[in-house]
């Protein structure tokens, strides 16, 4: 279990990894879209 300090909740590591992965994928998608729009 991983302790989430800001929210004061105890979360399973899998949940935390899922949230981080989702944010990373969204950020990467936005980043590449931004790069392509700047290019053209």
PDB file of N, CA and C in Angstrom:
ATOM      1  N   UNK A   1       0.840  -1.205   0.000  1.00  0.00           N
ATOM      2  CA  UNK A   1       0.000   0.000   0.000  1.00  0.00           C
ATOM      3  C   UNK A   1       0.873   1.253   0.000  1.00  0.00           C
ATOM      4  N   UNK A   2       0.384   2.274  -0.660  1.00  0.00           N
ATOM      5  CA  UNK A   2       1.125   3.536  -0.731  1.00  0.00           C
ATOM      6  C   UNK A   2       0.295   4.621  -0.061  1.00  0.00           C
ATOM      7  N   UNK A   3       0.935   5.422   0.772  1.00  0.00           N
ATOM      8  CA  UNK A   3       0.222   6.495   1.467  1.00  0.00           C
ATOM      9  C   UNK A   3       0.205   7.756   0.615  1.00  0.00           C
ATOM     10  N   UNK A   4      -1.006   8.245   0.338  1.00  0.00           N
ATOM     11  CA  UNK A   4      -1.147   9.486  -0.434  1.00  0.00           C
ATOM     12  C   UNK A   4      -1.224  10.635   0.568  1.00  0.00           C
ATOM     13  N   UNK A   5      -0.135  11.392   0.689  1.00  0.00           N
ATOM     14  CA  UNK A   5      -0.050  12.426   1.726  1.00  0.00           C
ATOM     15  C   UNK A   5      -1.057  13.564   1.534  1.00  0.00           C
ATOM     16  N   UNK A   6      -1.187  14.158   0.319  1.00  0.00           N
ATOM     17  CA  UNK A   6      -2.112  15.289   0.161  1.00  0.00           C
ATOM     18  C   UNK A   6      -3.561  14.932   0.495  1.00  0.00           C
ATOM     19  N   UNK A   7      -4.024  13.751   0.059  1.00  0.00           N
ATOM     20  CA  UNK A   7      -5.426  13.400   0.291  1.00  0.00           C
ATOM     21  C   UNK A   7      -5.605  12.590   1.562  1.00  0.00           C
ATOM     22  N   UNK A   8      -4.487  12.150   2.174  1.00  0.00           N
ATOM     23  CA  UNK A   8      -4.555  11.416   3.425  1.00  0.00           C
ATOM     24  C   UNK A   8      -5.183  10.040   3.279  1.00  0.00           C
ATOM     25  N   UNK A   9      -5.129   9.459   2.076  1.00  0.00           N
ATOM     26  CA  UNK A   9      -5.715   8.136   1.851  1.00  0.00           C
ATOM     27  C   UNK A   9      -4.615   7.115   1.596  1.00  0.00           C
ATOM     28  N   UNK A  10      -4.956   5.845   1.801  1.00  0.00           N
ATOM     29  CA  UNK A  10      -3.996   4.778   1.525  1.00  0.00           C
ATOM     30  C   UNK A  10      -4.441   4.079   0.244  1.00  0.00           C
ATOM     31  N   UNK A  11      -3.591   4.127  -0.785  1.00  0.00           N
ATOM     32  CA  UNK A  11      -3.954   3.571  -2.083  1.00  0.00           C
ATOM     33  C   UNK A  11      -3.058   2.401  -2.443  1.00  0.00           C
ATOM     34  N   UNK A  12      -3.594   1.412  -3.152  1.00  0.00           N
ATOM     35  CA  UNK A  12      -2.763   0.315  -3.626  1.00  0.00           C
ATOM     36  C   UNK A  12      -1.819   0.806  -4.714  1.00  0.00           C
ATOM     37  N   UNK A  13      -0.597   0.262  -4.791  1.00  0.00           N
ATOM     38  CA  UNK A  13       0.387   0.723  -5.769  1.00  0.00           C
ATOM     39  C   UNK A  13      -0.133   0.653  -7.202  1.00  0.00           C
ATOM     40  N   UNK A  14      -0.929  -0.368  -7.515  1.00  0.00           N
ATOM     41  CA  UNK A  14      -1.468  -0.516  -8.873  1.00  0.00           C
ATOM     42  C   UNK A  14      -2.320   0.679  -9.268  1.00  0.00           C
ATOM     43  N   UNK A  15      -3.134   1.163  -8.337  1.00  0.00           N
ATOM     44  CA  UNK A  15      -3.998   2.315  -8.612  1.00  0.00           C
ATOM     45  C   UNK A  15      -3.159   3.551  -8.909  1.00  0.00           C
ATOM     46  N   UNK A  16      -2.127   3.749  -8.095  1.00  0.00           N
ATOM     47  CA  UNK A  16      -1.249   4.904  -8.267  1.00  0.00           C
ATOM     48  C   UNK A  16      -0.555   4.848  -9.622  1.00  0.00           C
ATOM     49  N   UNK A  17      -0.048   3.658  -9.977  1.00  0.00           N
ATOM     50  CA  UNK A  17       0.629   3.484 -11.264  1.00  0.00           C
ATOM     51  C   UNK A  17      -0.342   3.747 -12.412  1.00  0.00           C
ATOM     52  N   UNK A  18      -1.587   3.323 -12.256  1.00  0.00           N
ATOM     53  CA  UNK A  18      -2.592   3.544 -13.296  1.00  0.00           C
ATOM     54  C   UNK A  18      -2.861   5.028 -13.503  1.00  0.00           C
ATOM     55  N   UNK A  19      -2.977   5.771 -12.403  1.00  0.00           N
ATOM     56  CA  UNK A  19      -3.240   7.211 -12.492  1.00  0.00           C
ATOM     57  C   UNK A  19      -2.063   7.929 -13.144  1.00  0.00           C
ATOM     58  N   UNK A  20      -0.847   7.596 -12.703  1.00  0.00           N
ATOM     59  CA  UNK A  20       0.350   8.227 -13.267  1.00  0.00           C
ATOM     60  C   UNK A  20       0.477   7.894 -14.749  1.00  0.00           C
ATOM     61  N   UNK A  21       0.216   6.637 -15.102  1.00  0.00           N
ATOM     62  CA  UNK A  21       0.293   6.215 -16.502  1.00  0.00           C
ATOM     63  C   UNK A  21      -0.717   6.956 -17.364  1.00  0.00           C
ATOM     64  N   UNK A  22      -1.936   7.100 -16.845  1.00  0.00           N
ATOM     65  CA  UNK A  22      -2.988   7.794 -17.588  1.00  0.00           C
ATOM     66  C   UNK A  22      -2.601   9.252 -17.821  1.00  0.00           C
ATOM     67  N   UNK A  23      -2.099   9.921 -16.779  1.00  0.00           N
ATOM     68  CA  UNK A  23      -1.679  11.316 -16.912  1.00  0.00           C
ATOM     69  C   UNK A  23      -0.534  11.447 -17.902  1.00  0.00           C
ATOM     70  N   UNK A  24       0.411  10.496 -17.841  1.00  0.00           N
ATOM     71  CA  UNK A  24       1.566  10.529 -18.743  1.00  0.00           C
ATOM     72  C   UNK A  24       1.118  10.372 -20.188  1.00  0.00           C
ATOM     73  N   UNK A  25       0.182   9.433 -20.434  1.00  0.00           N
ATOM     74  CA  UNK A  25      -0.305   9.206 -21.796  1.00  0.00           C
ATOM     75  C   UNK A  25      -1.035  10.437 -22.315  1.00  0.00           C
ATOM     76  N   UNK A  26      -1.859  11.044 -21.479  1.00  0.00           N
ATOM     77  CA  UNK A  26      -2.589  12.250 -21.894  1.00  0.00           C
ATOM     78  C   UNK A  26      -1.612  13.376 -22.206  1.00  0.00           C
ATOM     79  N   UNK A  27      -0.615  13.542 -21.353  1.00  0.00           N
ATOM     80  CA  UNK A  27       0.385  14.592 -21.560  1.00  0.00           C
ATOM     81  C   UNK A  27       1.157  14.373 -22.845  1.00  0.00           C
ATOM     82  N   UNK A  28       1.549  13.119 -23.096  1.00  0.00           N
ATOM     83  CA  UNK A  28       2.302  12.803 -24.314  1.00  0.00           C
ATOM     84  C   UNK A  28       1.444  13.064 -25.542  1.00  0.00           C
ATOM     85  N   UNK A  29       0.182  12.669 -25.487  1.00  0.00           N
ATOM     86  CA  UNK A  29      -0.729  12.867 -26.619  1.00  0.00           C
ATOM     87  C   UNK A  29      -0.877  14.360 -26.914  1.00  0.00           C
ATOM     88  N   UNK A  30      -1.101  15.156 -25.863  1.00  0.00           N
ATOM     89  CA  UNK A  30      -1.253  16.601 -26.034  1.00  0.00           C
ATOM     90  C   UNK A  30       0.031  17.208 -26.580  1.00  0.00           C
ATOM     91  N   UNK A  31       1.178  16.743 -26.056  1.00  0.00           N
ATOM     92  CA  UNK A  31       2.479  17.271 -26.458  1.00  0.00           C
ATOM     93  C   UNK A  31       2.715  17.054 -27.945  1.00  0.00           C
ATOM     94  N   UNK A  32       2.442  15.831 -28.425  1.00  0.00           N
ATOM     95  CA  UNK A  32       2.671  15.526 -29.841  1.00  0.00           C
ATOM     96  C   UNK A  32       1.699  16.294 -30.723  1.00  0.00           C
ATOM     97  N   UNK A  33       0.457  16.439 -30.278  1.00  0.00           N
ATOM     98  CA  UNK A  33      -0.528  17.180 -31.058  1.00  0.00           C
ATOM     99  C   UNK A  33      -0.088  18.644 -31.156  1.00  0.00           C
ATOM    100  N   UNK A  34       0.399  19.186 -30.053  1.00  0.00           N
ATOM    101  CA  UNK A  34       0.874  20.568 -30.011  1.00  0.00           C
ATOM    102  C   UNK A  34       2.059  20.746 -30.953  1.00  0.00           C
ATOM    103  N   UNK A  35       2.974  19.773 -30.930  1.00  0.00           N
ATOM    104  CA  UNK A  35       4.158  19.816 -31.779  1.00  0.00           C
ATOM    105  C   UNK A  35       3.755  19.822 -33.251  1.00  0.00           C
ATOM    106  N   UNK A  36       2.793  18.964 -33.611  1.00  0.00           N
ATOM    107  CA  UNK A  36       2.355  18.862 -35.007  1.00  0.00           C
ATOM    108  C   UNK A  36       1.677  20.153 -35.450  1.00  0.00           C
ATOM    109  N   UNK A  37       0.863  20.742 -34.585  1.00  0.00           N
ATOM    110  CA  UNK A  37       0.147  21.965 -34.954  1.00  0.00           C
ATOM    111  C   UNK A  37       1.125  23.130 -35.127  1.00  0.00           C
ATOM    112  N   UNK A  38       2.204  23.147 -34.346  1.00  0.00           N
ATOM    113  CA  UNK A  38       3.209  24.201 -34.467  1.00  0.00           C
ATOM    114  C   UNK A  38       3.997  24.018 -35.759  1.00  0.00           C
ATOM    115  N   UNK A  39       4.264  22.754 -36.112  1.00  0.00           N
ATOM    116  CA  UNK A  39       5.040  22.432 -37.308  1.00  0.00           C
ATOM    117  C   UNK A  39       4.365  22.934 -38.579  1.00  0.00           C
ATOM    118  N   UNK A  40       3.062  22.657 -38.731  1.00  0.00           N
ATOM    119  CA  UNK A  40       2.370  22.971 -39.978  1.00  0.00           C
ATOM    120  C   UNK A  40       2.077  24.461 -40.116  1.00  0.00           C
TER     121      UNK A  40
END
